[in-house]
PDB file of all heavy atoms in Angstrom:
ATOM      1  N   ILE A   1     -54.289 204.606-113.240  1.00  0.00           N
ATOM      2  CA  ILE A   1     -52.915 204.684-113.745  1.00  0.00           C
ATOM      3  C   ILE A   1     -52.811 205.679-114.894  1.00  0.00           C
ATOM      4  O   ILE A   1     -51.871 206.475-114.983  1.00  0.00           O
ATOM      5  CB  ILE A   1     -52.440 203.286-114.174  1.00  0.00           C
ATOM      6  CG1 ILE A   1     -52.403 202.342-112.967  1.00  0.00           C
ATOM      7  CG2 ILE A   1     -51.072 203.357-114.828  1.00  0.00           C
ATOM      8  CD1 ILE A   1     -52.019 200.925-113.309  1.00  0.00           C
ATOM      9  N   ILE A   2     -53.801 205.667-115.780  1.00  0.00           N
ATOM     10  CA  ILE A   2     -53.754 206.549-116.957  1.00  0.00           C
ATOM     11  C   ILE A   2     -53.950 208.007-116.561  1.00  0.00           C
ATOM     12  O   ILE A   2     -53.203 208.896-116.988  1.00  0.00           O
ATOM     13  CB  ILE A   2     -54.809 206.101-117.978  1.00  0.00           C
ATOM     14  CG1 ILE A   2     -54.473 204.714-118.532  1.00  0.00           C
ATOM     15  CG2 ILE A   2     -54.904 207.116-119.113  1.00  0.00           C
ATOM     16  CD1 ILE A   2     -55.531 204.133-119.421  1.00  0.00           C
ATOM     17  N   PHE A   3     -54.955 208.279-115.728  1.00  0.00           N
ATOM     18  CA  PHE A   3     -55.253 209.671-115.371  1.00  0.00           C
ATOM     19  C   PHE A   3     -54.130 210.306-114.551  1.00  0.00           C
ATOM     20  O   PHE A   3     -53.867 211.505-114.670  1.00  0.00           O
ATOM     21  CB  PHE A   3     -56.568 209.746-114.601  1.00  0.00           C
ATOM     22  CG  PHE A   3     -57.776 209.429-115.441  1.00  0.00           C
ATOM     23  CD1 PHE A   3     -58.924 208.895-114.867  1.00  0.00           C
ATOM     24  CD2 PHE A   3     -57.756 209.630-116.811  1.00  0.00           C
ATOM     25  CE1 PHE A   3     -60.026 208.602-115.634  1.00  0.00           C
ATOM     26  CE2 PHE A   3     -58.858 209.329-117.594  1.00  0.00           C
ATOM     27  CZ  PHE A   3     -60.001 208.814-117.004  1.00  0.00           C
ATOM     28  N   ASN A   4     -53.484 209.510-113.710  1.00  0.00           N
ATOM     29  CA  ASN A   4     -52.408 210.037-112.868  1.00  0.00           C
ATOM     30  C   ASN A   4     -51.032 209.894-113.497  1.00  0.00           C
ATOM     31  O   ASN A   4     -50.034 210.279-112.872  1.00  0.00           O
ATOM     32  CB  ASN A   4     -52.409 209.332-111.505  1.00  0.00           C
ATOM     33  CG  ASN A   4     -53.679 209.582-110.725  1.00  0.00           C
ATOM     34  OD1 ASN A   4     -54.276 210.657-110.811  1.00  0.00           O
ATOM     35  ND2 ASN A   4     -54.108 208.574-109.956  1.00  0.00           N
ATOM     36  N   ALA A   5     -50.985 209.327-114.708  1.00  0.00           N
ATOM     37  CA  ALA A   5     -49.716 209.167-115.444  1.00  0.00           C
ATOM     38  C   ALA A   5     -48.665 208.457-114.588  1.00  0.00           C
ATOM     39  O   ALA A   5     -47.524 208.900-114.454  1.00  0.00           O
ATOM     40  CB  ALA A   5     -49.201 210.522-115.920  1.00  0.00           C
ATOM     41  N   GLU A   6     -49.074 207.346-113.987  1.00  0.00           N
ATOM     42  CA  GLU A   6     -48.172 206.600-113.130  1.00  0.00           C
ATOM     43  C   GLU A   6     -47.185 205.799-113.973  1.00  0.00           C
ATOM     44  O   GLU A   6     -47.469 205.415-115.109  1.00  0.00           O
ATOM     45  CB  GLU A   6     -48.958 205.662-112.210  1.00  0.00           C
ATOM     46  CG  GLU A   6     -49.976 206.350-111.324  1.00  0.00           C
ATOM     47  CD  GLU A   6     -49.334 207.186-110.237  1.00  0.00           C
ATOM     48  OE1 GLU A   6     -48.100 207.104-110.086  1.00  0.00           O
ATOM     49  OE2 GLU A   6     -50.065 207.906-109.539  1.00  0.00           O
ATOM     50  N   GLY A   7     -46.027 205.517-113.379  1.00  0.00           N
ATOM     51  CA  GLY A   7     -44.987 204.783-114.079  1.00  0.00           C
ATOM     52  C   GLY A   7     -44.941 203.315-113.707  1.00  0.00           C
ATOM     53  O   GLY A   7     -45.838 202.785-113.033  1.00  0.00           O
ATOM     54  N   TRP A   8     -43.866 202.657-114.163  1.00  0.00           N
ATOM     55  CA  TRP A   8     -43.736 201.222-113.937  1.00  0.00           C
ATOM     56  C   TRP A   8     -43.568 200.894-112.455  1.00  0.00           C
ATOM     57  O   TRP A   8     -44.017 199.843-111.992  1.00  0.00           O
ATOM     58  CB  TRP A   8     -42.543 200.675-114.736  1.00  0.00           C
ATOM     59  CG  TRP A   8     -42.824 200.582-116.195  1.00  0.00           C
ATOM     60  CD1 TRP A   8     -42.378 201.430-117.171  1.00  0.00           C
ATOM     61  CD2 TRP A   8     -43.614 199.599-116.849  1.00  0.00           C
ATOM     62  NE1 TRP A   8     -42.838 201.033-118.404  1.00  0.00           N
ATOM     63  CE2 TRP A   8     -43.605 199.895-118.232  1.00  0.00           C
ATOM     64  CE3 TRP A   8     -44.339 198.478-116.417  1.00  0.00           C
ATOM     65  CZ2 TRP A   8     -44.279 199.135-119.173  1.00  0.00           C
ATOM     66  CZ3 TRP A   8     -45.014 197.716-117.360  1.00  0.00           C
ATOM     67  CH2 TRP A   8     -44.982 198.040-118.714  1.00  0.00           C
ATOM     68  N   ALA A   9     -42.910 201.777-111.718  1.00  0.00           N
ATOM     69  CA  ALA A   9     -42.715 201.512-110.293  1.00  0.00           C
ATOM     70  C   ALA A   9     -44.057 201.439-109.558  1.00  0.00           C
ATOM     71  O   ALA A   9     -44.266 200.563-108.708  1.00  0.00           O
ATOM     72  CB  ALA A   9     -41.825 202.600-109.676  1.00  0.00           C
ATOM     73  N   TYR A  10     -44.962 202.346-109.889  1.00  0.00           N
ATOM     74  CA  TYR A  10     -46.293 202.331-109.275  1.00  0.00           C
ATOM     75  C   TYR A  10     -47.049 201.060-109.660  1.00  0.00           C
ATOM     76  O   TYR A  10     -47.730 200.454-108.833  1.00  0.00           O
ATOM     77  CB  TYR A  10     -47.062 203.572-109.717  1.00  0.00           C
ATOM     78  CG  TYR A  10     -48.458 203.677-109.148  1.00  0.00           C
ATOM     79  CD1 TYR A  10     -48.680 204.244-107.904  1.00  0.00           C
ATOM     80  CD2 TYR A  10     -49.557 203.198-109.864  1.00  0.00           C
ATOM     81  CE1 TYR A  10     -49.958 204.350-107.373  1.00  0.00           C
ATOM     82  CE2 TYR A  10     -50.841 203.292-109.346  1.00  0.00           C
ATOM     83  CZ  TYR A  10     -51.031 203.867-108.097  1.00  0.00           C
ATOM     84  OH  TYR A  10     -52.294 203.954-107.581  1.00  0.00           O
ATOM     85  N   LEU A  11     -46.914 200.653-110.924  1.00  0.00           N
ATOM     86  CA  LEU A  11     -47.589 199.451-111.393  1.00  0.00           C
ATOM     87  C   LEU A  11     -47.084 198.215-110.676  1.00  0.00           C
ATOM     88  O   LEU A  11     -47.866 197.342-110.271  1.00  0.00           O
ATOM     89  CB  LEU A  11     -47.395 199.307-112.903  1.00  0.00           C
ATOM     90  CG  LEU A  11     -48.052 198.086-113.572  1.00  0.00           C
ATOM     91  CD1 LEU A  11     -49.554 198.136-113.418  1.00  0.00           C
ATOM     92  CD2 LEU A  11     -47.666 198.009-115.037  1.00  0.00           C
ATOM     93  N   ILE A  12     -45.781 198.129-110.481  1.00  0.00           N
ATOM     94  CA  ILE A  12     -45.213 196.966-109.801  1.00  0.00           C
ATOM     95  C   ILE A  12     -45.637 196.938-108.341  1.00  0.00           C
ATOM     96  O   ILE A  12     -45.908 195.865-107.771  1.00  0.00           O
ATOM     97  CB  ILE A  12     -43.672 196.987-109.930  1.00  0.00           C
ATOM     98  CG1 ILE A  12     -43.287 196.789-111.401  1.00  0.00           C
ATOM     99  CG2 ILE A  12     -43.045 195.900-109.062  1.00  0.00           C
ATOM    100  CD1 ILE A  12     -41.798 196.916-111.667  1.00  0.00           C
ATOM    101  N   ASP A  13     -45.741 198.095-107.720  1.00  0.00           N
ATOM    102  CA  ASP A  13     -46.116 198.147-106.302  1.00  0.00           C
ATOM    103  C   ASP A  13     -47.577 197.764-106.078  1.00  0.00           C
ATOM    104  O   ASP A  13     -47.913 197.135-105.059  1.00  0.00           O
ATOM    105  CB  ASP A  13     -45.867 199.551-105.742  1.00  0.00           C
ATOM    106  CG  ASP A  13     -44.381 199.878-105.652  1.00  0.00           C
ATOM    107  OD1 ASP A  13     -43.575 198.922-105.626  1.00  0.00           O
ATOM    108  OD2 ASP A  13     -44.032 201.071-105.631  1.00  0.00           O
ATOM    109  N   THR A  14     -48.447 198.151-106.988  1.00  0.00           N
ATOM    110  CA  THR A  14     -49.891 197.932-106.778  1.00  0.00           C
ATOM    111  C   THR A  14     -50.426 196.695-107.481  1.00  0.00           C
ATOM    112  O   THR A  14     -51.564 196.300-107.216  1.00  0.00           O
ATOM    113  CB  THR A  14     -50.677 199.157-107.275  1.00  0.00           C
ATOM    114  OG1 THR A  14     -50.401 199.382-108.677  1.00  0.00           O
ATOM    115  CG2 THR A  14     -50.293 200.405-106.483  1.00  0.00           C
ATOM    116  N   LEU A  15     -49.643 196.088-108.361  1.00  0.00           N
ATOM    117  CA  LEU A  15     -50.147 194.936-109.112  1.00  0.00           C
ATOM    118  C   LEU A  15     -50.519 193.756-108.219  1.00  0.00           C
ATOM    119  O   LEU A  15     -51.574 193.133-108.432  1.00  0.00           O
ATOM    120  CB  LEU A  15     -49.121 194.503-110.155  1.00  0.00           C
ATOM    121  CG  LEU A  15     -49.576 193.388-111.102  1.00  0.00           C
ATOM    122  CD1 LEU A  15     -50.823 193.812-111.875  1.00  0.00           C
ATOM    123  CD2 LEU A  15     -48.453 192.995-112.057  1.00  0.00           C
ATOM    124  N   PRO A  16     -49.732 193.389-107.204  1.00  0.00           N
ATOM    125  CA  PRO A  16     -50.166 192.280-106.332  1.00  0.00           C
ATOM    126  C   PRO A  16     -51.489 192.556-105.631  1.00  0.00           C
ATOM    127  O   PRO A  16     -52.318 191.637-105.479  1.00  0.00           O
ATOM    128  CB  PRO A  16     -49.012 192.157-105.327  1.00  0.00           C
ATOM    129  CG  PRO A  16     -47.829 192.727-106.036  1.00  0.00           C
ATOM    130  CD  PRO A  16     -48.375 193.847-106.865  1.00  0.00           C
ATOM    131  N   ILE A  17     -51.699 193.805-105.211  1.00  0.00           N
ATOM    132  CA  ILE A  17     -52.978 194.138-104.572  1.00  0.00           C
ATOM    133  C   ILE A  17     -54.112 194.034-105.580  1.00  0.00           C
ATOM    134  O   ILE A  17     -55.195 193.529-105.271  1.00  0.00           O
ATOM    135  CB  ILE A  17     -52.915 195.557-103.977  1.00  0.00           C
ATOM    136  CG1 ILE A  17     -51.686 195.719-103.097  1.00  0.00           C
ATOM    137  CG2 ILE A  17     -54.176 195.870-103.188  1.00  0.00           C
ATOM    138  CD1 ILE A  17     -51.477 197.130-102.598  1.00  0.00           C
ATOM    139  N   PHE A  18     -53.862 194.515-106.799  1.00  0.00           N
ATOM    140  CA  PHE A  18     -54.883 194.438-107.842  1.00  0.00           C
ATOM    141  C   PHE A  18     -55.248 192.990-108.150  1.00  0.00           C
ATOM    142  O   PHE A  18     -56.430 192.658-108.297  1.00  0.00           O
ATOM    143  CB  PHE A  18     -54.378 195.132-109.106  1.00  0.00           C
ATOM    144  CG  PHE A  18     -55.172 194.821-110.331  1.00  0.00           C
ATOM    145  CD1 PHE A  18     -56.417 195.399-110.541  1.00  0.00           C
ATOM    146  CD2 PHE A  18     -54.689 193.939-111.289  1.00  0.00           C
ATOM    147  CE1 PHE A  18     -57.162 195.107-111.668  1.00  0.00           C
ATOM    148  CE2 PHE A  18     -55.431 193.642-112.419  1.00  0.00           C
ATOM    149  CZ  PHE A  18     -56.668 194.223-112.606  1.00  0.00           C
ATOM    150  N   LEU A  19     -54.271 192.115-108.238  1.00  0.00           N
ATOM    151  CA  LEU A  19     -54.549 190.712-108.541  1.00  0.00           C
ATOM    152  C   LEU A  19     -55.339 190.047-107.421  1.00  0.00           C
ATOM    153  O   LEU A  19     -56.194 189.200-107.672  1.00  0.00           O
ATOM    154  CB  LEU A  19     -53.236 189.963-108.784  1.00  0.00           C
ATOM    155  CG  LEU A  19     -52.458 190.381-110.038  1.00  0.00           C
ATOM    156  CD1 LEU A  19     -51.159 189.600-110.139  1.00  0.00           C
ATOM    157  CD2 LEU A  19     -53.305 190.193-111.288  1.00  0.00           C
ATOM    158  N   GLY A  20     -55.056 190.428-106.165  1.00  0.00           N
ATOM    159  CA  GLY A  20     -55.843 189.891-105.058  1.00  0.00           C
ATOM    160  C   GLY A  20     -57.298 190.301-105.142  1.00  0.00           C
ATOM    161  O   GLY A  20     -58.204 189.497-104.932  1.00  0.00           O
ATOM    162  N   GLY A  21     -57.535 191.597-105.463  1.00  0.00           N
ATOM    163  CA  GLY A  21     -58.911 192.052-105.642  1.00  0.00           C
ATOM    164  C   GLY A  21     -59.586 191.420-106.842  1.00  0.00           C
ATOM    165  O   GLY A  21     -60.793 191.143-106.819  1.00  0.00           O
ATOM    166  N   LEU A  22     -58.800 191.172-107.904  1.00  0.00           N
ATOM    167  CA  LEU A  22     -59.358 190.521-109.096  1.00  0.00           C
ATOM    168  C   LEU A  22     -59.798 189.099-108.782  1.00  0.00           C
ATOM    169  O   LEU A  22     -60.878 188.663-109.214  1.00  0.00           O
ATOM    170  CB  LEU A  22     -58.307 190.513-110.209  1.00  0.00           C
ATOM    171  CG  LEU A  22     -58.735 189.880-111.538  1.00  0.00           C
ATOM    172  CD1 LEU A  22     -59.890 190.658-112.157  1.00  0.00           C
ATOM    173  CD2 LEU A  22     -57.550 189.818-112.508  1.00  0.00           C
ATOM    174  N   PHE A  23     -58.996 188.376-108.021  1.00  0.00           N
ATOM    175  CA  PHE A  23     -59.379 187.018-107.633  1.00  0.00           C
ATOM    176  C   PHE A  23     -60.625 187.046-106.755  1.00  0.00           C
ATOM    177  O   PHE A  23     -61.507 186.181-106.883  1.00  0.00           O
ATOM    178  CB  PHE A  23     -58.221 186.339-106.906  1.00  0.00           C
ATOM    179  CG  PHE A  23     -58.503 184.921-106.513  1.00  0.00           C
ATOM    180  CD1 PHE A  23     -58.415 183.896-107.443  1.00  0.00           C
ATOM    181  CD2 PHE A  23     -58.855 184.597-105.212  1.00  0.00           C
ATOM    182  CE1 PHE A  23     -58.669 182.588-107.084  1.00  0.00           C
ATOM    183  CE2 PHE A  23     -59.122 183.297-104.841  1.00  0.00           C
ATOM    184  CZ  PHE A  23     -59.029 182.282-105.778  1.00  0.00           C
ATOM    185  N   ALA A  24     -60.712 188.028-105.868  1.00  0.00           N
ATOM    186  CA  ALA A  24     -61.900 188.151-105.020  1.00  0.00           C
ATOM    187  C   ALA A  24     -63.140 188.447-105.866  1.00  0.00           C
ATOM    188  O   ALA A  24     -64.220 187.906-105.600  1.00  0.00           O
ATOM    189  CB  ALA A  24     -61.685 189.256-103.989  1.00  0.00           C
ATOM    190  N   GLY A  25     -63.005 189.292-106.891  1.00  0.00           N
ATOM    191  CA  GLY A  25     -64.139 189.582-107.768  1.00  0.00           C
ATOM    192  C   GLY A  25     -64.597 188.357-108.531  1.00  0.00           C
ATOM    193  O   GLY A  25     -65.803 188.120-108.688  1.00  0.00           O
ATOM    194  N   ILE A  26     -63.648 187.568-109.020  1.00  0.00           N
ATOM    195  CA  ILE A  26     -64.011 186.332-109.723  1.00  0.00           C
ATOM    196  C   ILE A  26     -64.708 185.368-108.782  1.00  0.00           C
ATOM    197  O   ILE A  26     -65.669 184.681-109.156  1.00  0.00           O
ATOM    198  CB  ILE A  26     -62.747 185.695-110.335  1.00  0.00           C
ATOM    199  CG1 ILE A  26     -62.174 186.610-111.419  1.00  0.00           C
ATOM    200  CG2 ILE A  26     -63.055 184.316-110.906  1.00  0.00           C
ATOM    201  CD1 ILE A  26     -60.855 186.121-111.997  1.00  0.00           C
ATOM    202  N   LEU A  27     -64.261 185.329-107.524  1.00  0.00           N
ATOM    203  CA  LEU A  27     -64.907 184.462-106.538  1.00  0.00           C
ATOM    204  C   LEU A  27     -66.334 184.908-106.250  1.00  0.00           C
ATOM    205  O   LEU A  27     -67.230 184.080-106.051  1.00  0.00           O
ATOM    206  CB  LEU A  27     -64.083 184.449-105.258  1.00  0.00           C
ATOM    207  CG  LEU A  27     -64.370 183.335-104.246  1.00  0.00           C
ATOM    208  CD1 LEU A  27     -64.170 181.969-104.893  1.00  0.00           C
ATOM    209  CD2 LEU A  27     -63.463 183.483-103.036  1.00  0.00           C
ATOM    210  N   VAL A  28     -66.562 186.221-106.241  1.00  0.00           N
ATOM    211  CA  VAL A  28     -67.924 186.738-106.071  1.00  0.00           C
ATOM    212  C   VAL A  28     -68.808 186.300-107.230  1.00  0.00           C
ATOM    213  O   VAL A  28     -69.953 185.849-107.032  1.00  0.00           O
ATOM    214  CB  VAL A  28     -67.905 188.275-105.958  1.00  0.00           C
ATOM    215  CG1 VAL A  28     -69.321 188.836-106.021  1.00  0.00           C
ATOM    216  CG2 VAL A  28     -67.238 188.714-104.662  1.00  0.00           C
ATOM    217  N   VAL A  29     -68.307 186.399-108.454  1.00  0.00           N
ATOM    218  CA  VAL A  29     -69.077 186.005-109.637  1.00  0.00           C
ATOM    219  C   VAL A  29     -69.419 184.521-109.586  1.00  0.00           C
ATOM    220  O   VAL A  29     -70.566 184.118-109.839  1.00  0.00           O
ATOM    221  CB  VAL A  29     -68.282 186.344-110.917  1.00  0.00           C
ATOM    222  CG1 VAL A  29     -68.974 185.752-112.142  1.00  0.00           C
ATOM    223  CG2 VAL A  29     -68.136 187.851-111.074  1.00  0.00           C
ATOM    224  N   ILE A  30     -68.449 183.690-109.242  1.00  0.00           N
ATOM    225  CA  ILE A  30     -68.686 182.245-109.199  1.00  0.00           C
ATOM    226  C   ILE A  30     -69.714 181.891-108.128  1.00  0.00           C
ATOM    227  O   ILE A  30     -70.645 181.104-108.371  1.00  0.00           O
ATOM    228  CB  ILE A  30     -67.358 181.509-108.953  1.00  0.00           C
ATOM    229  CG1 ILE A  30     -66.430 181.672-110.161  1.00  0.00           C
ATOM    230  CG2 ILE A  30     -67.599 180.025-108.667  1.00  0.00           C
ATOM    231  CD1 ILE A  30     -65.046 181.084-109.947  1.00  0.00           C
ATOM    232  N   THR A  31     -69.564 182.471-106.949  1.00  0.00           N
ATOM    233  CA  THR A  31     -70.468 182.132-105.846  1.00  0.00           C
ATOM    234  C   THR A  31     -71.886 182.587-106.126  1.00  0.00           C
ATOM    235  O   THR A  31     -72.853 181.825-105.950  1.00  0.00           O
ATOM    236  CB  THR A  31     -69.963 182.762-104.542  1.00  0.00           C
ATOM    237  OG1 THR A  31     -68.624 182.328-104.288  1.00  0.00           O
ATOM    238  CG2 THR A  31     -70.849 182.367-103.371  1.00  0.00           C
ATOM    239  N   TYR A  32     -72.059 183.811-106.573  1.00  0.00           N
ATOM    240  CA  TYR A  32     -73.399 184.320-106.852  1.00  0.00           C
ATOM    241  C   TYR A  32     -74.045 183.571-108.017  1.00  0.00           C
ATOM    242  O   TYR A  32     -75.261 183.326-108.011  1.00  0.00           O
ATOM    243  CB  TYR A  32     -73.339 185.815-107.155  1.00  0.00           C
ATOM    244  CG  TYR A  32     -73.199 186.689-105.920  1.00  0.00           C
ATOM    245  CD1 TYR A  32     -72.946 186.133-104.674  1.00  0.00           C
ATOM    246  CD2 TYR A  32     -73.316 188.066-105.993  1.00  0.00           C
ATOM    247  CE1 TYR A  32     -72.812 186.907-103.549  1.00  0.00           C
ATOM    248  CE2 TYR A  32     -73.189 188.872-104.867  1.00  0.00           C
ATOM    249  CZ  TYR A  32     -72.942 188.281-103.647  1.00  0.00           C
ATOM    250  OH  TYR A  32     -72.813 189.065-102.528  1.00  0.00           O
ATOM    251  N   THR A  33     -73.255 183.194-109.011  1.00  0.00           N
ATOM    252  CA  THR A  33     -73.797 182.427-110.132  1.00  0.00           C
ATOM    253  C   THR A  33     -74.264 181.052-109.679  1.00  0.00           C
ATOM    254  O   THR A  33     -75.346 180.587-110.064  1.00  0.00           O
ATOM    255  CB  THR A  33     -72.743 182.288-111.231  1.00  0.00           C
ATOM    256  OG1 THR A  33     -72.339 183.586-111.684  1.00  0.00           O
ATOM    257  CG2 THR A  33     -73.303 181.510-112.417  1.00  0.00           C
ATOM    258  N   SER A  34     -73.482 180.383-108.858  1.00  0.00           N
ATOM    259  CA  SER A  34     -73.844 179.043-108.383  1.00  0.00           C
ATOM    260  C   SER A  34     -75.131 179.085-107.568  1.00  0.00           C
ATOM    261  O   SER A  34     -76.052 178.286-107.790  1.00  0.00           O
ATOM    262  CB  SER A  34     -72.706 178.462-107.539  1.00  0.00           C
ATOM    263  OG  SER A  34     -71.514 178.366-108.287  1.00  0.00           O
ATOM    264  N   ILE A  35     -75.213 180.028-106.631  1.00  0.00           N
ATOM    265  CA  ILE A  35     -76.406 180.108-105.793  1.00  0.00           C
ATOM    266  C   ILE A  35     -77.627 180.486-106.626  1.00  0.00           C
ATOM    267  O   ILE A  35     -78.710 179.902-106.486  1.00  0.00           O
ATOM    268  CB  ILE A  35     -76.185 181.127-104.661  1.00  0.00           C
ATOM    269  CG1 ILE A  35     -75.038 180.690-103.749  1.00  0.00           C
ATOM    270  CG2 ILE A  35     -77.459 181.310-103.844  1.00  0.00           C
ATOM    271  CD1 ILE A  35     -74.666 181.704-102.690  1.00  0.00           C
ATOM    272  N   GLY A  36     -77.473 181.473-107.509  1.00  0.00           N
ATOM    273  CA  GLY A  36     -78.609 181.928-108.308  1.00  0.00           C
ATOM    274  C   GLY A  36     -79.160 180.852-109.230  1.00  0.00           C
ATOM    275  O   GLY A  36     -80.382 180.666-109.317  1.00  0.00           O
ATOM    276  N   LEU A  37     -78.293 180.122-109.915  1.00  0.00           N
ATOM    277  CA  LEU A  37     -78.771 179.072-110.826  1.00  0.00           C
ATOM    278  C   LEU A  37     -79.383 177.909-110.062  1.00  0.00           C
ATOM    279  O   LEU A  37     -80.335 177.286-110.540  1.00  0.00           O
ATOM    280  CB  LEU A  37     -77.619 178.584-111.700  1.00  0.00           C
ATOM    281  CG  LEU A  37     -77.253 179.472-112.884  1.00  0.00           C
ATOM    282  CD1 LEU A  37     -76.119 178.860-113.685  1.00  0.00           C
ATOM    283  CD2 LEU A  37     -78.454 179.734-113.780  1.00  0.00           C
ATOM    284  N   ALA A  38     -78.829 177.594-108.900  1.00  0.00           N
ATOM    285  CA  ALA A  38     -79.420 176.522-108.094  1.00  0.00           C
ATOM    286  C   ALA A  38     -80.839 176.877-107.679  1.00  0.00           C
ATOM    287  O   ALA A  38     -81.749 176.032-107.727  1.00  0.00           O
ATOM    288  CB  ALA A  38     -78.552 176.250-106.865  1.00  0.00           C
ATOM    289  N   LEU A  39     -81.064 178.122-107.284  1.00  0.00           N
ATOM    290  CA  LEU A  39     -82.412 178.542-106.910  1.00  0.00           C
ATOM    291  C   LEU A  39     -83.335 178.612-108.122  1.00  0.00           C
ATOM    292  O   LEU A  39     -84.531 178.342-108.017  1.00  0.00           O
ATOM    293  CB  LEU A  39     -82.344 179.913-106.216  1.00  0.00           C
ATOM    294  CG  LEU A  39     -81.628 179.933-104.864  1.00  0.00           C
ATOM    295  CD1 LEU A  39     -81.500 181.358-104.346  1.00  0.00           C
ATOM    296  CD2 LEU A  39     -82.360 179.074-103.848  1.00  0.00           C
ATOM    297  N   SER A  40     -82.783 178.970-109.278  1.00  0.00           N
ATOM    298  CA  SER A  40     -83.605 179.021-110.481  1.00  0.00           C
ATOM    299  C   SER A  40     -84.026 177.641-110.954  1.00  0.00           C
ATOM    300  O   SER A  40     -85.063 177.494-111.612  1.00  0.00           O
ATOM    301  CB  SER A  40     -82.842 179.741-111.603  1.00  0.00           C
ATOM    302  OG  SER A  40     -83.595 179.805-112.790  1.00  0.00           O
ATOM    303  N   SER A  41     -83.231 176.626-110.632  1.00  0.00           N
ATOM    304  CA  SER A  41     -83.527 175.276-111.129  1.00  0.00           C
ATOM    305  C   SER A  41     -84.574 174.539-110.309  1.00  0.00           C
ATOM    306  O   SER A  41     -85.073 173.504-110.757  1.00  0.00           O
ATOM    307  CB  SER A  41     -82.241 174.443-111.151  1.00  0.00           C
ATOM    308  OG  SER A  41     -81.753 174.233-109.832  1.00  0.00           O
ATOM    309  N   ILE A  42     -84.910 175.044-109.129  1.00  0.00           N
ATOM    310  CA  ILE A  42     -85.845 174.305-108.279  1.00  0.00           C
ATOM    311  C   ILE A  42     -87.268 174.843-108.381  1.00  0.00           C
ATOM    312  O   ILE A  42     -88.145 174.385-107.650  1.00  0.00           O
ATOM    313  CB  ILE A  42     -85.389 174.347-106.804  1.00  0.00           C
ATOM    314  CG1 ILE A  42     -85.389 175.780-106.267  1.00  0.00           C
ATOM    315  CG2 ILE A  42     -84.022 173.712-106.650  1.00  0.00           C
ATOM    316  CD1 ILE A  42     -85.019 175.878-104.805  1.00  0.00           C
ATOM    317  N   SER A  43     -87.501 175.791-109.251  1.00  0.00           N
ATOM    318  CA  SER A  43     -88.835 176.375-109.344  1.00  0.00           C
ATOM    319  C   SER A  43     -89.161 176.661-110.805  1.00  0.00           C
ATOM    320  O   SER A  43     -88.276 176.726-111.665  1.00  0.00           O
ATOM    321  CB  SER A  43     -88.906 177.672-108.517  1.00  0.00           C
ATOM    322  OG  SER A  43     -90.147 178.322-108.717  1.00  0.00           O
ATOM    323  N   GLN A  44     -90.443 176.839-111.069  1.00  0.00           N
ATOM    324  CA  GLN A  44     -90.903 177.232-112.389  1.00  0.00           C
ATOM    325  C   GLN A  44     -91.211 178.724-112.476  1.00  0.00           C
ATOM    326  O   GLN A  44     -91.697 179.199-113.486  1.00  0.00           O
ATOM    327  CB  GLN A  44     -92.149 176.437-112.774  1.00  0.00           C
ATOM    328  CG  GLN A  44     -91.918 174.942-112.889  1.00  0.00           C
ATOM    329  CD  GLN A  44     -93.137 174.211-113.386  1.00  0.00           C
ATOM    330  OE1 GLN A  44     -94.087 174.803-113.873  1.00  0.00           O
ATOM    331  NE2 GLN A  44     -93.121 172.887-113.271  1.00  0.00           N
TER     332      GLN A  44
END
């Protein structure tokens, strides 16, 4: 947005897509953290 000097119309159009990707990224973090810590807890 900054490099292309986009305006509010561009932000409104792409914000729902951005939020969907943001939720997907958070889901990746949660899933990988859960699996990794579970495997770390069963071994020395």
